[in-house]
PDB file of N, CA and C in Angstrom:
ATOM      1  N   MET A   1    -117.539  27.008   9.763  1.00  0.00           N
ATOM      2  CA  MET A   1    -117.719  28.408   9.927  1.00  0.00           C
ATOM      3  C   MET A   1    -117.276  28.863  11.349  1.00  0.00           C
ATOM      4  N   ALA A   2    -117.628  28.076  12.370  1.00  0.00           N
ATOM      5  CA  ALA A   2    -117.198  28.401  13.732  1.00  0.00           C
ATOM      6  C   ALA A   2    -115.694  28.336  13.834  1.00  0.00           C
ATOM      7  N   GLN A   3    -115.105  27.413  13.066  1.00  0.00           N
ATOM      8  CA  GLN A   3    -113.629  27.277  13.085  1.00  0.00           C
ATOM      9  C   GLN A   3    -112.974  28.540  12.549  1.00  0.00           C
ATOM     10  N   MET A   4    -113.591  29.089  11.490  1.00  0.00           N
ATOM     11  CA  MET A   4    -113.065  30.356  10.853  1.00  0.00           C
ATOM     12  C   MET A   4    -113.194  31.518  11.804  1.00  0.00           C
ATOM     13  N   ASP A   5    -114.344  31.548  12.549  1.00  0.00           N
ATOM     14  CA  ASP A   5    -114.551  32.652  13.489  1.00  0.00           C
ATOM     15  C   ASP A   5    -113.546  32.578  14.615  1.00  0.00           C
ATOM     16  N   MET A   6    -113.210  31.415  15.121  1.00  0.00           N
ATOM     17  CA  MET A   6    -112.218  31.257  16.152  1.00  0.00           C
ATOM     18  C   MET A   6    -110.852  31.687  15.630  1.00  0.00           C
ATOM     19  N   GLU A   7    -110.586  31.367  14.367  1.00  0.00           N
ATOM     20  CA  GLU A   7    -109.298  31.710  13.747  1.00  0.00           C
ATOM     21  C   GLU A   7    -109.201  33.284  13.665  1.00  0.00           C
ATOM     22  N   LEU A   8    -110.297  33.914  13.262  1.00  0.00           N
ATOM     23  CA  LEU A   8    -110.324  35.371  13.199  1.00  0.00           C
ATOM     24  C   LEU A   8    -110.161  36.004  14.596  1.00  0.00           C
ATOM     25  N   LYS A   9    -110.883  35.426  15.554  1.00  0.00           N
ATOM     26  CA  LYS A   9    -110.789  35.957  16.909  1.00  0.00           C
ATOM     27  C   LYS A   9    -109.391  35.833  17.439  1.00  0.00           C
ATOM     28  N   LYS A  10    -108.757  34.719  17.199  1.00  0.00           N
ATOM     29  CA  LYS A  10    -107.368  34.493  17.661  1.00  0.00           C
ATOM     30  C   LYS A  10    -106.448  35.482  16.979  1.00  0.00           C
ATOM     31  N   ALA A  11    -106.587  35.702  15.661  1.00  0.00           N
ATOM     32  CA  ALA A  11    -105.785  36.631  14.925  1.00  0.00           C
ATOM     33  C   ALA A  11    -105.931  38.029  15.461  1.00  0.00           C
ATOM     34  N   PHE A  12    -107.179  38.438  15.692  1.00  0.00           N
ATOM     35  CA  PHE A  12    -107.457  39.786  16.238  1.00  0.00           C
ATOM     36  C   PHE A  12    -106.836  39.965  17.616  1.00  0.00           C
ATOM     37  N   THR A  13    -106.926  38.934  18.485  1.00  0.00           N
ATOM     38  CA  THR A  13    -106.308  39.015  19.800  1.00  0.00           C
ATOM     39  C   THR A  13    -104.814  39.166  19.715  1.00  0.00           C
ATOM     40  N   GLU A  14    -104.177  38.306  18.855  1.00  0.00           N
ATOM     41  CA  GLU A  14    -102.740  38.405  18.716  1.00  0.00           C
ATOM     42  C   GLU A  14    -102.318  39.772  18.157  1.00  0.00           C
ATOM     43  N   MET A  15    -103.107  40.285  17.226  1.00  0.00           N
ATOM     44  CA  MET A  15    -102.826  41.568  16.673  1.00  0.00           C
ATOM     45  C   MET A  15    -102.918  42.654  17.674  1.00  0.00           C
ATOM     46  N   GLN A  16    -103.950  42.597  18.576  1.00  0.00           N
ATOM     47  CA  GLN A  16    -104.119  43.593  19.605  1.00  0.00           C
ATOM     48  C   GLN A  16    -102.932  43.604  20.572  1.00  0.00           C
ATOM     49  N   ILE A  17    -102.538  42.426  20.982  1.00  0.00           N
ATOM     50  CA  ILE A  17    -101.403  42.274  21.932  1.00  0.00           C
ATOM     51  C   ILE A  17    -100.132  42.814  21.274  1.00  0.00           C
ATOM     52  N   ASN A  18     -99.911  42.408  20.026  1.00  0.00           N
ATOM     53  CA  ASN A  18     -98.707  42.849  19.331  1.00  0.00           C
ATOM     54  C   ASN A  18     -98.720  44.377  19.133  1.00  0.00           C
ATOM     55  N   LYS A  19     -99.914  44.945  18.847  1.00  0.00           N
ATOM     56  CA  LYS A  19     -99.982  46.372  18.648  1.00  0.00           C
ATOM     57  C   LYS A  19     -99.645  47.127  19.914  1.00  0.00           C
ATOM     58  N   LEU A  20    -100.130  46.615  21.065  1.00  0.00           N
ATOM     59  CA  LEU A  20     -99.833  47.252  22.340  1.00  0.00           C
ATOM     60  C   LEU A  20     -98.334  47.185  22.635  1.00  0.00           C
ATOM     61  N   GLU A  21     -97.740  46.024  22.423  1.00  0.00           N
ATOM     62  CA  GLU A  21     -96.293  45.893  22.687  1.00  0.00           C
ATOM     63  C   GLU A  21     -95.476  46.761  21.744  1.00  0.00           C
ATOM     64  N   THR A  22     -95.838  46.800  20.475  1.00  0.00           N
ATOM     65  CA  THR A  22     -95.126  47.601  19.525  1.00  0.00           C
ATOM     66  C   THR A  22     -95.241  49.109  19.819  1.00  0.00           C
ATOM     67  N   THR A  23     -96.488  49.489  20.228  1.00  0.00           N
ATOM     68  CA  THR A  23     -96.684  50.888  20.574  1.00  0.00           C
ATOM     69  C   THR A  23     -95.821  51.303  21.794  1.00  0.00           C
ATOM     70  N   LYS A  24     -95.739  50.409  22.779  1.00  0.00           N
ATOM     71  CA  LYS A  24     -94.841  50.670  23.943  1.00  0.00           C
ATOM     72  C   LYS A  24     -93.386  50.835  23.468  1.00  0.00           C
ATOM     73  N   LYS A  25     -92.957  49.933  22.585  1.00  0.00           N
ATOM     74  CA  LYS A  25     -91.597  49.972  22.087  1.00  0.00           C
ATOM     75  C   LYS A  25     -91.329  51.264  21.338  1.00  0.00           C
ATOM     76  N   ILE A  26     -92.301  51.686  20.521  1.00  0.00           N
ATOM     77  CA  ILE A  26     -92.151  52.927  19.729  1.00  0.00           C
ATOM     78  C   ILE A  26     -92.058  54.117  20.670  1.00  0.00           C
ATOM     79  N   ASN A  27     -92.878  54.122  21.713  1.00  0.00           N
ATOM     80  CA  ASN A  27     -92.854  55.212  22.712  1.00  0.00           C
ATOM     81  C   ASN A  27     -91.520  55.261  23.427  1.00  0.00           C
ATOM     82  N   MET A  28     -90.949  54.088  23.743  1.00  0.00           N
ATOM     83  CA  MET A  28     -89.663  54.051  24.417  1.00  0.00           C
ATOM     84  C   MET A  28     -88.565  54.568  23.483  1.00  0.00           C
ATOM     85  N   ILE A  29     -88.660  54.199  22.195  1.00  0.00           N
ATOM     86  CA  ILE A  29     -87.694  54.652  21.239  1.00  0.00           C
ATOM     87  C   ILE A  29     -87.774  56.226  21.124  1.00  0.00           C
ATOM     88  N   ASP A  30     -89.005  56.744  21.071  1.00  0.00           N
ATOM     89  CA  ASP A  30     -89.187  58.183  21.021  1.00  0.00           C
ATOM     90  C   ASP A  30     -88.563  58.850  22.220  1.00  0.00           C
ATOM     91  N   MET A  31     -88.726  58.307  23.430  1.00  0.00           N
ATOM     92  CA  MET A  31     -88.156  58.867  24.638  1.00  0.00           C
ATOM     93  C   MET A  31     -86.650  58.857  24.560  1.00  0.00           C
ATOM     94  N   LYS A  32     -86.072  57.665  24.187  1.00  0.00           N
ATOM     95  CA  LYS A  32     -84.597  57.611  24.031  1.00  0.00           C
ATOM     96  C   LYS A  32     -84.104  58.595  23.029  1.00  0.00           C
ATOM     97  N   CYS A  33     -84.817  58.727  21.935  1.00  0.00           N
ATOM     98  CA  CYS A  33     -84.406  59.678  20.872  1.00  0.00           C
ATOM     99  C   CYS A  33     -84.404  61.121  21.406  1.00  0.00           C
ATOM    100  N   ASP A  34     -85.406  61.458  22.205  1.00  0.00           N
ATOM    101  CA  ASP A  34     -85.472  62.803  22.809  1.00  0.00           C
ATOM    102  C   ASP A  34     -84.315  63.023  23.751  1.00  0.00           C
ATOM    103  N   MET A  35     -83.981  61.993  24.537  1.00  0.00           N
ATOM    104  CA  MET A  35     -82.841  62.129  25.461  1.00  0.00           C
ATOM    105  C   MET A  35     -81.526  62.304  24.704  1.00  0.00           C
ATOM    106  N   VAL A  36     -81.356  61.567  23.604  1.00  0.00           N
ATOM    107  CA  VAL A  36     -80.119  61.703  22.812  1.00  0.00           C
ATOM    108  C   VAL A  36     -80.056  63.055  22.185  1.00  0.00           C
ATOM    109  N   LYS A  37     -81.184  63.521  21.681  1.00  0.00           N
ATOM    110  CA  LYS A  37     -81.234  64.872  21.073  1.00  0.00           C
ATOM    111  C   LYS A  37     -80.929  65.940  22.064  1.00  0.00           C
ATOM    112  N   THR A  38     -81.384  65.792  23.317  1.00  0.00           N
ATOM    113  CA  THR A  38     -81.061  66.755  24.382  1.00  0.00           C
ATOM    114  C   THR A  38     -79.597  66.753  24.689  1.00  0.00           C
ATOM    115  N   GLY A  39     -78.979  65.528  24.736  1.00  0.00           N
ATOM    116  CA  GLY A  39     -77.543  65.444  24.936  1.00  0.00           C
ATOM    117  C   GLY A  39     -76.754  66.111  23.802  1.00  0.00           C
ATOM    118  N   LYS A  40     -77.193  65.859  22.612  1.00  0.00           N
ATOM    119  CA  LYS A  40     -76.497  66.466  21.474  1.00  0.00           C
ATOM    120  C   LYS A  40     -76.617  67.984  21.501  1.00  0.00           C
ATOM    121  N   GLN A  41     -77.780  68.521  21.904  1.00  0.00           N
ATOM    122  CA  GLN A  41     -77.965  69.931  22.023  1.00  0.00           C
ATOM    123  C   GLN A  41     -77.010  70.523  23.083  1.00  0.00           C
ATOM    124  N   LYS A  42     -76.830  69.734  24.181  1.00  0.00           N
ATOM    125  CA  LYS A  42     -75.970  70.238  25.262  1.00  0.00           C
ATOM    126  C   LYS A  42     -74.508  70.309  24.721  1.00  0.00           C
ATOM    127  N   TYR A  43     -74.091  69.285  23.969  1.00  0.00           N
ATOM    128  CA  TYR A  43     -72.750  69.322  23.401  1.00  0.00           C
ATOM    129  C   TYR A  43     -72.582  70.459  22.401  1.00  0.00           C
ATOM    130  N   THR A  44     -73.602  70.702  21.601  1.00  0.00           N
ATOM    131  CA  THR A  44     -73.556  71.782  20.623  1.00  0.00           C
ATOM    132  C   THR A  44     -73.448  73.166  21.315  1.00  0.00           C
ATOM    133  N   LEU A  45     -74.297  73.347  22.331  1.00  0.00           N
ATOM    134  CA  LEU A  45     -74.238  74.594  23.099  1.00  0.00           C
ATOM    135  C   LEU A  45     -72.888  74.818  23.790  1.00  0.00           C
ATOM    136  N   THR A  46     -72.308  73.729  24.300  1.00  0.00           N
ATOM    137  CA  THR A  46     -71.011  73.835  24.974  1.00  0.00           C
ATOM    138  C   THR A  46     -69.966  74.233  23.930  1.00  0.00           C
ATOM    139  N   GLU A  47     -70.031  73.593  22.766  1.00  0.00           N
ATOM    140  CA  GLU A  47     -69.071  73.941  21.712  1.00  0.00           C
ATOM    141  C   GLU A  47     -69.215  75.413  21.251  1.00  0.00           C
ATOM    142  N   LYS A  48     -70.473  75.898  21.136  1.00  0.00           N
ATOM    143  CA  LYS A  48     -70.676  77.288  20.740  1.00  0.00           C
ATOM    144  C   LYS A  48     -70.145  78.227  21.783  1.00  0.00           C
ATOM    145  N   SER A  49     -70.398  77.884  23.052  1.00  0.00           N
ATOM    146  CA  SER A  49     -69.956  78.816  24.125  1.00  0.00           C
ATOM    147  C   SER A  49     -68.435  78.842  24.271  1.00  0.00           C
ATOM    148  N   THR A  50     -67.776  77.772  23.866  1.00  0.00           N
ATOM    149  CA  THR A  50     -66.304  77.766  23.960  1.00  0.00           C
ATOM    150  C   THR A  50     -65.631  78.222  22.691  1.00  0.00           C
ATOM    151  N   SER A  51     -66.382  78.525  21.659  1.00  0.00           N
ATOM    152  CA  SER A  51     -65.820  78.890  20.394  1.00  0.00           C
ATOM    153  C   SER A  51     -65.035  80.218  20.409  1.00  0.00           C
ATOM    154  N   ASN A  52     -65.427  81.113  21.293  1.00  0.00           N
ATOM    155  CA  ASN A  52     -64.760  82.427  21.334  1.00  0.00           C
ATOM    156  C   ASN A  52     -63.618  82.463  22.349  1.00  0.00           C
ATOM    157  N   LEU A  53     -63.283  81.333  22.954  1.00  0.00           N
ATOM    158  CA  LEU A  53     -62.176  81.310  23.933  1.00  0.00           C
ATOM    159  C   LEU A  53     -60.848  81.275  23.184  1.00  0.00           C
ATOM    160  N   THR A  54     -59.844  81.852  23.806  1.00  0.00           N
ATOM    161  CA  THR A  54     -58.526  81.823  23.217  1.00  0.00           C
ATOM    162  C   THR A  54     -57.858  80.461  23.511  1.00  0.00           C
ATOM    163  N   ASP A  55     -56.817  80.142  22.778  1.00  0.00           N
ATOM    164  CA  ASP A  55     -56.159  78.829  22.905  1.00  0.00           C
ATOM    165  C   ASP A  55     -55.472  78.655  24.265  1.00  0.00           C
ATOM    166  N   ASP A  56     -55.104  79.764  24.906  1.00  0.00           N
ATOM    167  CA  ASP A  56     -54.411  79.653  26.191  1.00  0.00           C
ATOM    168  C   ASP A  56     -55.357  79.558  27.371  1.00  0.00           C
ATOM    169  N   THR A  57     -56.687  79.519  27.130  1.00  0.00           N
ATOM    170  CA  THR A  57     -57.670  79.449  28.168  1.00  0.00           C
ATOM    171  C   THR A  57     -57.637  78.047  28.782  1.00  0.00           C
ATOM    172  N   ARG A  58     -57.686  77.986  30.070  1.00  0.00           N
ATOM    173  CA  ARG A  58     -57.687  76.718  30.770  1.00  0.00           C
ATOM    174  C   ARG A  58     -59.126  76.157  30.739  1.00  0.00           C
ATOM    175  N   VAL A  59     -59.242  74.975  30.230  1.00  0.00           N
ATOM    176  CA  VAL A  59     -60.573  74.297  30.188  1.00  0.00           C
ATOM    177  C   VAL A  59     -60.474  72.956  30.875  1.00  0.00           C
ATOM    178  N   TYR A  60     -61.585  72.514  31.401  1.00  0.00           N
ATOM    179  CA  TYR A  60     -61.636  71.250  32.089  1.00  0.00           C
ATOM    180  C   TYR A  60     -62.710  70.371  31.462  1.00  0.00           C
ATOM    181  N   MET A  61     -62.379  69.115  31.340  1.00  0.00           N
ATOM    182  CA  MET A  61     -63.299  68.140  30.759  1.00  0.00           C
ATOM    183  C   MET A  61     -63.821  67.184  31.856  1.00  0.00           C
ATOM    184  N   SER A  62     -65.101  66.988  31.856  1.00  0.00           N
ATOM    185  CA  SER A  62     -65.693  66.114  32.898  1.00  0.00           C
ATOM    186  C   SER A  62     -65.403  64.683  32.537  1.00  0.00           C
ATOM    187  N   VAL A  63     -64.892  63.955  33.561  1.00  0.00           N
ATOM    188  CA  VAL A  63     -64.612  62.498  33.418  1.00  0.00           C
ATOM    189  C   VAL A  63     -65.209  61.860  34.655  1.00  0.00           C
ATOM    190  N   GLY A  64     -66.347  61.288  34.512  1.00  0.00           N
ATOM    191  CA  GLY A  64     -67.035  60.713  35.676  1.00  0.00           C
ATOM    192  C   GLY A  64     -67.356  61.727  36.673  1.00  0.00           C
ATOM    193  N   ARG A  65     -66.759  61.625  37.889  1.00  0.00           N
ATOM    194  CA  ARG A  65     -67.040  62.553  38.943  1.00  0.00           C
ATOM    195  C   ARG A  65     -65.925  63.572  39.164  1.00  0.00           C
ATOM    196  N   MET A  66     -64.991  63.639  38.210  1.00  0.00           N
ATOM    197  CA  MET A  66     -63.883  64.579  38.340  1.00  0.00           C
ATOM    198  C   MET A  66     -63.710  65.385  37.021  1.00  0.00           C
ATOM    199  N   PHE A  67     -62.900  66.390  37.080  1.00  0.00           N
ATOM    200  CA  PHE A  67     -62.607  67.203  35.941  1.00  0.00           C
ATOM    201  C   PHE A  67     -61.104  67.156  35.675  1.00  0.00           C
ATOM    202  N   LEU A  68     -60.793  67.038  34.376  1.00  0.00           N
ATOM    203  CA  LEU A  68     -59.357  67.013  33.995  1.00  0.00           C
ATOM    204  C   LEU A  68     -59.032  68.247  33.195  1.00  0.00           C
ATOM    205  N   LEU A  69     -57.870  68.796  33.446  1.00  0.00           N
ATOM    206  CA  LEU A  69     -57.425  69.929  32.699  1.00  0.00           C
ATOM    207  C   LEU A  69     -57.039  69.420  31.283  1.00  0.00           C
ATOM    208  N   THR A  70     -57.506  70.118  30.276  1.00  0.00           N
ATOM    209  CA  THR A  70     -57.233  69.725  28.899  1.00  0.00           C
ATOM    210  C   THR A  70     -57.078  70.959  28.045  1.00  0.00           C
ATOM    211  N   ASP A  71     -56.518  70.776  26.857  1.00  0.00           N
ATOM    212  CA  ASP A  71     -56.454  71.913  25.954  1.00  0.00           C
ATOM    213  C   ASP A  71     -57.725  72.049  25.189  1.00  0.00           C
ATOM    214  N   LEU A  72     -57.933  73.207  24.604  1.00  0.00           N
ATOM    215  CA  LEU A  72     -59.193  73.604  23.965  1.00  0.00           C
ATOM    216  C   LEU A  72     -59.472  72.700  22.724  1.00  0.00           C
ATOM    217  N   ASP A  73     -58.442  72.402  21.950  1.00  0.00           N
ATOM    218  CA  ASP A  73     -58.572  71.531  20.747  1.00  0.00           C
ATOM    219  C   ASP A  73     -59.072  70.144  21.129  1.00  0.00           C
ATOM    220  N   ASN A  74     -58.483  69.589  22.187  1.00  0.00           N
ATOM    221  CA  ASN A  74     -58.889  68.245  22.611  1.00  0.00           C
ATOM    222  C   ASN A  74     -60.321  68.251  23.044  1.00  0.00           C
ATOM    223  N   MET A  75     -60.696  69.310  23.812  1.00  0.00           N
ATOM    224  CA  MET A  75     -62.103  69.374  24.280  1.00  0.00           C
ATOM    225  C   MET A  75     -63.078  69.495  23.091  1.00  0.00           C
ATOM    226  N   ARG A  76     -62.723  70.315  22.141  1.00  0.00           N
ATOM    227  CA  ARG A  76     -63.602  70.508  20.958  1.00  0.00           C
ATOM    228  C   ARG A  76     -63.705  69.189  20.152  1.00  0.00           C
ATOM    229  N   SER A  77     -62.598  68.486  20.008  1.00  0.00           N
ATOM    230  CA  SER A  77     -62.669  67.245  19.255  1.00  0.00           C
ATOM    231  C   SER A  77     -63.506  66.211  20.035  1.00  0.00           C
ATOM    232  N   GLU A  78     -63.398  66.225  21.357  1.00  0.00           N
ATOM    233  CA  GLU A  78     -64.211  65.324  22.171  1.00  0.00           C
ATOM    234  C   GLU A  78     -65.704  65.673  22.045  1.00  0.00           C
ATOM    235  N   LEU A  79     -66.026  66.927  22.020  1.00  0.00           N
ATOM    236  CA  LEU A  79     -67.435  67.321  21.850  1.00  0.00           C
ATOM    237  C   LEU A  79     -67.919  66.941  20.446  1.00  0.00           C
ATOM    238  N   LYS A  80     -67.097  67.095  19.463  1.00  0.00           N
ATOM    239  CA  LYS A  80     -67.514  66.671  18.090  1.00  0.00           C
ATOM    240  C   LYS A  80     -67.732  65.181  18.016  1.00  0.00           C
ATOM    241  N   SER A  81     -66.886  64.391  18.644  1.00  0.00           N
ATOM    242  CA  SER A  81     -67.085  62.954  18.629  1.00  0.00           C
ATOM    243  C   SER A  81     -68.372  62.531  19.378  1.00  0.00           C
ATOM    244  N   LYS A  82     -68.634  63.223  20.450  1.00  0.00           N
ATOM    245  CA  LYS A  82     -69.853  62.974  21.170  1.00  0.00           C
ATOM    246  C   LYS A  82     -71.097  63.312  20.347  1.00  0.00           C
ATOM    247  N   GLN A  83     -71.059  64.410  19.581  1.00  0.00           N
ATOM    248  CA  GLN A  83     -72.128  64.801  18.717  1.00  0.00           C
ATOM    249  C   GLN A  83     -72.305  63.767  17.601  1.00  0.00           C
ATOM    250  N   ASP A  84     -71.229  63.251  17.062  1.00  0.00           N
ATOM    251  CA  ASP A  84     -71.299  62.242  16.047  1.00  0.00           C
ATOM    252  C   ASP A  84     -71.918  60.946  16.584  1.00  0.00           C
ATOM    253  N   LYS A  85     -71.577  60.591  17.806  1.00  0.00           N
ATOM    254  CA  LYS A  85     -72.153  59.414  18.432  1.00  0.00           C
ATOM    255  C   LYS A  85     -73.681  59.620  18.623  1.00  0.00           C
ATOM    256  N   CYS A  86     -74.068  60.844  19.014  1.00  0.00           N
ATOM    257  CA  CYS A  86     -75.478  61.134  19.172  1.00  0.00           C
ATOM    258  C   CYS A  86     -76.198  61.028  17.789  1.00  0.00           C
ATOM    259  N   ASP A  87     -75.606  61.556  16.757  1.00  0.00           N
ATOM    260  CA  ASP A  87     -76.217  61.461  15.425  1.00  0.00           C
ATOM    261  C   ASP A  87     -76.402  59.994  15.025  1.00  0.00           C
ATOM    262  N   LYS A  88     -75.382  59.149  15.274  1.00  0.00           N
ATOM    263  CA  LYS A  88     -75.486  57.743  14.898  1.00  0.00           C
ATOM    264  C   LYS A  88     -76.574  57.080  15.730  1.00  0.00           C
ATOM    265  N   ALA A  89     -76.654  57.426  17.043  1.00  0.00           N
ATOM    266  CA  ALA A  89     -77.675  56.791  17.882  1.00  0.00           C
ATOM    267  C   ALA A  89     -79.108  57.200  17.422  1.00  0.00           C
ATOM    268  N   ILE A  90     -79.261  58.478  17.097  1.00  0.00           N
ATOM    269  CA  ILE A  90     -80.544  58.931  16.568  1.00  0.00           C
ATOM    270  C   ILE A  90     -80.935  58.189  15.294  1.00  0.00           C
ATOM    271  N   GLU A  91     -79.979  58.062  14.413  1.00  0.00           N
ATOM    272  CA  GLU A  91     -80.232  57.352  13.122  1.00  0.00           C
ATOM    273  C   GLU A  91     -80.652  55.919  13.436  1.00  0.00           C
ATOM    274  N   LEU A  92     -79.935  55.266  14.300  1.00  0.00           N
ATOM    275  CA  LEU A  92     -80.237  53.867  14.629  1.00  0.00           C
ATOM    276  C   LEU A  92     -81.639  53.740  15.293  1.00  0.00           C
ATOM    277  N   LEU A  93     -81.969  54.634  16.159  1.00  0.00           N
ATOM    278  CA  LEU A  93     -83.284  54.619  16.800  1.00  0.00           C
ATOM    279  C   LEU A  93     -84.393  54.865  15.780  1.00  0.00           C
ATOM    280  N   GLU A  94     -84.149  55.777  14.808  1.00  0.00           N
ATOM    281  CA  GLU A  94     -85.168  56.049  13.803  1.00  0.00           C
ATOM    282  C   GLU A  94     -85.385  54.832  12.913  1.00  0.00           C
ATOM    283  N   LYS A  95     -84.272  54.100  12.633  1.00  0.00           N
ATOM    284  CA  LYS A  95     -84.397  52.844  11.847  1.00  0.00           C
ATOM    285  C   LYS A  95     -85.219  51.797  12.561  1.00  0.00           C
ATOM    286  N   LYS A  96     -84.938  51.689  13.862  1.00  0.00           N
ATOM    287  CA  LYS A  96     -85.719  50.728  14.680  1.00  0.00           C
ATOM    288  C   LYS A  96     -87.212  51.074  14.699  1.00  0.00           C
ATOM    289  N   LYS A  97     -87.471  52.400  14.849  1.00  0.00           N
ATOM    290  CA  LYS A  97     -88.837  52.837  14.859  1.00  0.00           C
ATOM    291  C   LYS A  97     -89.556  52.546  13.570  1.00  0.00           C
ATOM    292  N   GLU A  98     -88.886  52.860  12.407  1.00  0.00           N
ATOM    293  CA  GLU A  98     -89.455  52.588  11.103  1.00  0.00           C
ATOM    294  C   GLU A  98     -89.724  51.076  10.927  1.00  0.00           C
ATOM    295  N   PHE A  99     -88.777  50.229  11.432  1.00  0.00           N
ATOM    296  CA  PHE A  99     -88.984  48.767  11.293  1.00  0.00           C
ATOM    297  C   PHE A  99     -90.198  48.337  12.095  1.00  0.00           C
ATOM    298  N   LEU A 100     -90.339  48.835  13.288  1.00  0.00           N
ATOM    299  CA  LEU A 100     -91.518  48.467  14.120  1.00  0.00           C
ATOM    300  C   LEU A 100     -92.801  48.924  13.489  1.00  0.00           C
ATOM    301  N   GLN A 101     -92.793  50.119  12.914  1.00  0.00           N
ATOM    302  CA  GLN A 101     -94.007  50.620  12.321  1.00  0.00           C
ATOM    303  C   GLN A 101     -94.348  49.794  11.064  1.00  0.00           C
ATOM    304  N   LYS A 102     -93.318  49.422  10.312  1.00  0.00           N
ATOM    305  CA  LYS A 102     -93.547  48.630   9.109  1.00  0.00           C
ATOM    306  C   LYS A 102     -94.061  47.228   9.486  1.00  0.00           C
ATOM    307  N   SER A 103     -93.465  46.602  10.504  1.00  0.00           N
ATOM    308  CA  SER A 103     -93.939  45.279  10.882  1.00  0.00           C
ATOM    309  C   SER A 103     -95.363  45.319  11.393  1.00  0.00           C
ATOM    310  N   LEU A 104     -95.711  46.391  12.110  1.00  0.00           N
ATOM    311  CA  LEU A 104     -97.102  46.506  12.597  1.00  0.00           C
ATOM    312  C   LEU A 104     -98.057  46.685  11.395  1.00  0.00           C
ATOM    313  N   LYS A 105     -97.695  47.478  10.464  1.00  0.00           N
ATOM    314  CA  LYS A 105     -98.514  47.690   9.245  1.00  0.00           C
ATOM    315  C   LYS A 105     -98.636  46.381   8.435  1.00  0.00           C
ATOM    316  N   ASP A 106     -97.567  45.632   8.331  1.00  0.00           N
ATOM    317  CA  ASP A 106     -97.610  44.326   7.598  1.00  0.00           C
ATOM    318  C   ASP A 106     -98.601  43.385   8.365  1.00  0.00           C
ATOM    319  N   GLN A 107     -98.542  43.366   9.642  1.00  0.00           N
ATOM    320  CA  GLN A 107     -99.442  42.515  10.399  1.00  0.00           C
ATOM    321  C   GLN A 107    -100.920  42.931  10.186  1.00  0.00           C
ATOM    322  N   GLU A 108    -101.160  44.264  10.191  1.00  0.00           N
ATOM    323  CA  GLU A 108    -102.514  44.769   9.960  1.00  0.00           C
ATOM    324  C   GLU A 108    -102.963  44.374   8.567  1.00  0.00           C
ATOM    325  N   ASP A 109    -102.093  44.470   7.615  1.00  0.00           N
ATOM    326  CA  ASP A 109    -102.463  44.095   6.229  1.00  0.00           C
ATOM    327  C   ASP A 109    -102.787  42.607   6.105  1.00  0.00           C
ATOM    328  N   GLY A 110    -101.981  41.799   6.859  1.00  0.00           N
ATOM    329  CA  GLY A 110    -102.251  40.358   6.844  1.00  0.00           C
ATOM    330  C   GLY A 110    -103.598  40.087   7.474  1.00  0.00           C
ATOM    331  N   LEU A 111    -103.950  40.775   8.498  1.00  0.00           N
ATOM    332  CA  LEU A 111    -105.233  40.600   9.152  1.00  0.00           C
ATOM    333  C   LEU A 111    -106.383  41.025   8.219  1.00  0.00           C
ATOM    334  N   ARG A 112    -106.184  42.155   7.562  1.00  0.00           N
ATOM    335  CA  ARG A 112    -107.212  42.606   6.591  1.00  0.00           C
ATOM    336  C   ARG A 112    -107.406  41.534   5.485  1.00  0.00           C
ATOM    337  N   GLU A 113    -106.308  40.993   5.031  1.00  0.00           N
ATOM    338  CA  GLU A 113    -106.385  39.952   3.986  1.00  0.00           C
ATOM    339  C   GLU A 113    -107.144  38.719   4.502  1.00  0.00           C
ATOM    340  N   LEU A 114    -106.914  38.356   5.744  1.00  0.00           N
ATOM    341  CA  LEU A 114    -107.640  37.256   6.352  1.00  0.00           C
ATOM    342  C   LEU A 114    -109.096  37.526   6.423  1.00  0.00           C
ATOM    343  N   VAL A 115    -109.477  38.743   6.811  1.00  0.00           N
ATOM    344  CA  VAL A 115    -110.906  39.113   6.911  1.00  0.00           C
ATOM    345  C   VAL A 115    -111.498  39.124   5.494  1.00  0.00           C
ATOM    346  N   GLN A 116    -110.758  39.628   4.536  1.00  0.00           N
ATOM    347  CA  GLN A 116    -111.287  39.643   3.129  1.00  0.00           C
ATOM    348  C   GLN A 116    -111.498  38.220   2.663  1.00  0.00           C
ATOM    349  N   GLN A 117    -110.585  37.334   2.920  1.00  0.00           N
ATOM    350  CA  GLN A 117    -110.727  35.918   2.526  1.00  0.00           C
ATOM    351  C   GLN A 117    -111.972  35.323   3.179  1.00  0.00           C
ATOM    352  N   ARG A 118    -112.205  35.682   4.442  1.00  0.00           N
ATOM    353  CA  ARG A 118    -113.347  35.214   5.182  1.00  0.00           C
ATOM    354  C   ARG A 118    -114.623  35.706   4.520  1.00  0.00           C
ATOM    355  N   LYS A 119    -114.630  36.970   4.144  1.00  0.00           N
ATOM    356  CA  LYS A 119    -115.845  37.551   3.442  1.00  0.00           C
ATOM    357  C   LYS A 119    -116.097  36.830   2.132  1.00  0.00           C
ATOM    358  N   GLU A 120    -115.033  36.610   1.371  1.00  0.00           N
ATOM    359  CA  GLU A 120    -115.136  35.947   0.111  1.00  0.00           C
ATOM    360  C   GLU A 120    -115.616  34.499   0.251  1.00  0.00           C
ATOM    361  N   ALA A 121    -115.207  33.852   1.321  1.00  0.00           N
ATOM    362  CA  ALA A 121    -115.621  32.496   1.586  1.00  0.00           C
ATOM    363  C   ALA A 121    -117.080  32.438   1.982  1.00  0.00           C
ATOM    364  N   ASP A 122    -117.599  33.428   2.652  1.00  0.00           N
ATOM    365  CA  ASP A 122    -118.966  33.501   3.089  1.00  0.00           C
ATOM    366  C   ASP A 122    -119.936  33.815   1.945  1.00  0.00           C
ATOM    367  N   VAL A 123    -119.548  34.661   1.013  1.00  0.00           N
ATOM    368  CA  VAL A 123    -120.424  35.067  -0.124  1.00  0.00           C
ATOM    369  C   VAL A 123    -120.891  33.878  -0.933  1.00  0.00           C
ATOM    370  N   PRO A 124    -120.023  32.975  -1.432  1.00  0.00           N
ATOM    371  CA  PRO A 124    -120.514  31.825  -2.224  1.00  0.00           C
ATOM    372  C   PRO A 124    -121.374  30.852  -1.398  1.00  0.00           C
ATOM    373  N   ALA A 125    -121.114  30.771  -0.069  1.00  0.00           N
ATOM    374  CA  ALA A 125    -121.835  29.847   0.770  1.00  0.00           C
ATOM    375  C   ALA A 125    -123.326  30.237   0.878  1.00  0.00           C
ATOM    376  N   LYS A 126    -123.651  31.494   0.734  1.00  0.00           N
ATOM    377  CA  LYS A 126    -125.022  31.948   0.820  1.00  0.00           C
ATOM    378  C   LYS A 126    -125.674  31.722  -0.468  1.00  0.00           C
TER     379      LYS A 126
END
């Protein structure tokens, strides 16, 4: 009986540690997702603000610490590709978050099953 209690205590401790780590990872993923969404919004707003420009308007694209003169179509295609990258990154982050939540739930279910087995083992002993 003491062996089973130690086993439960160890399982609870591991579960607690894993839950804290997983919660931190989920929070980090949420923060990254918010950053990517903010970037996507910036690209969308830039695209909207340049939509009413004529084709002969001089536009500059940021490259590192400098700006390069480019045509409007090239800039719009670059903004679209950046938005697509943001969409893919958000999708990937959401999948990671779902996986972490599912693994945490599976571990909790396993712990519940262990507790249930412990209760069932105690009932016939009495």
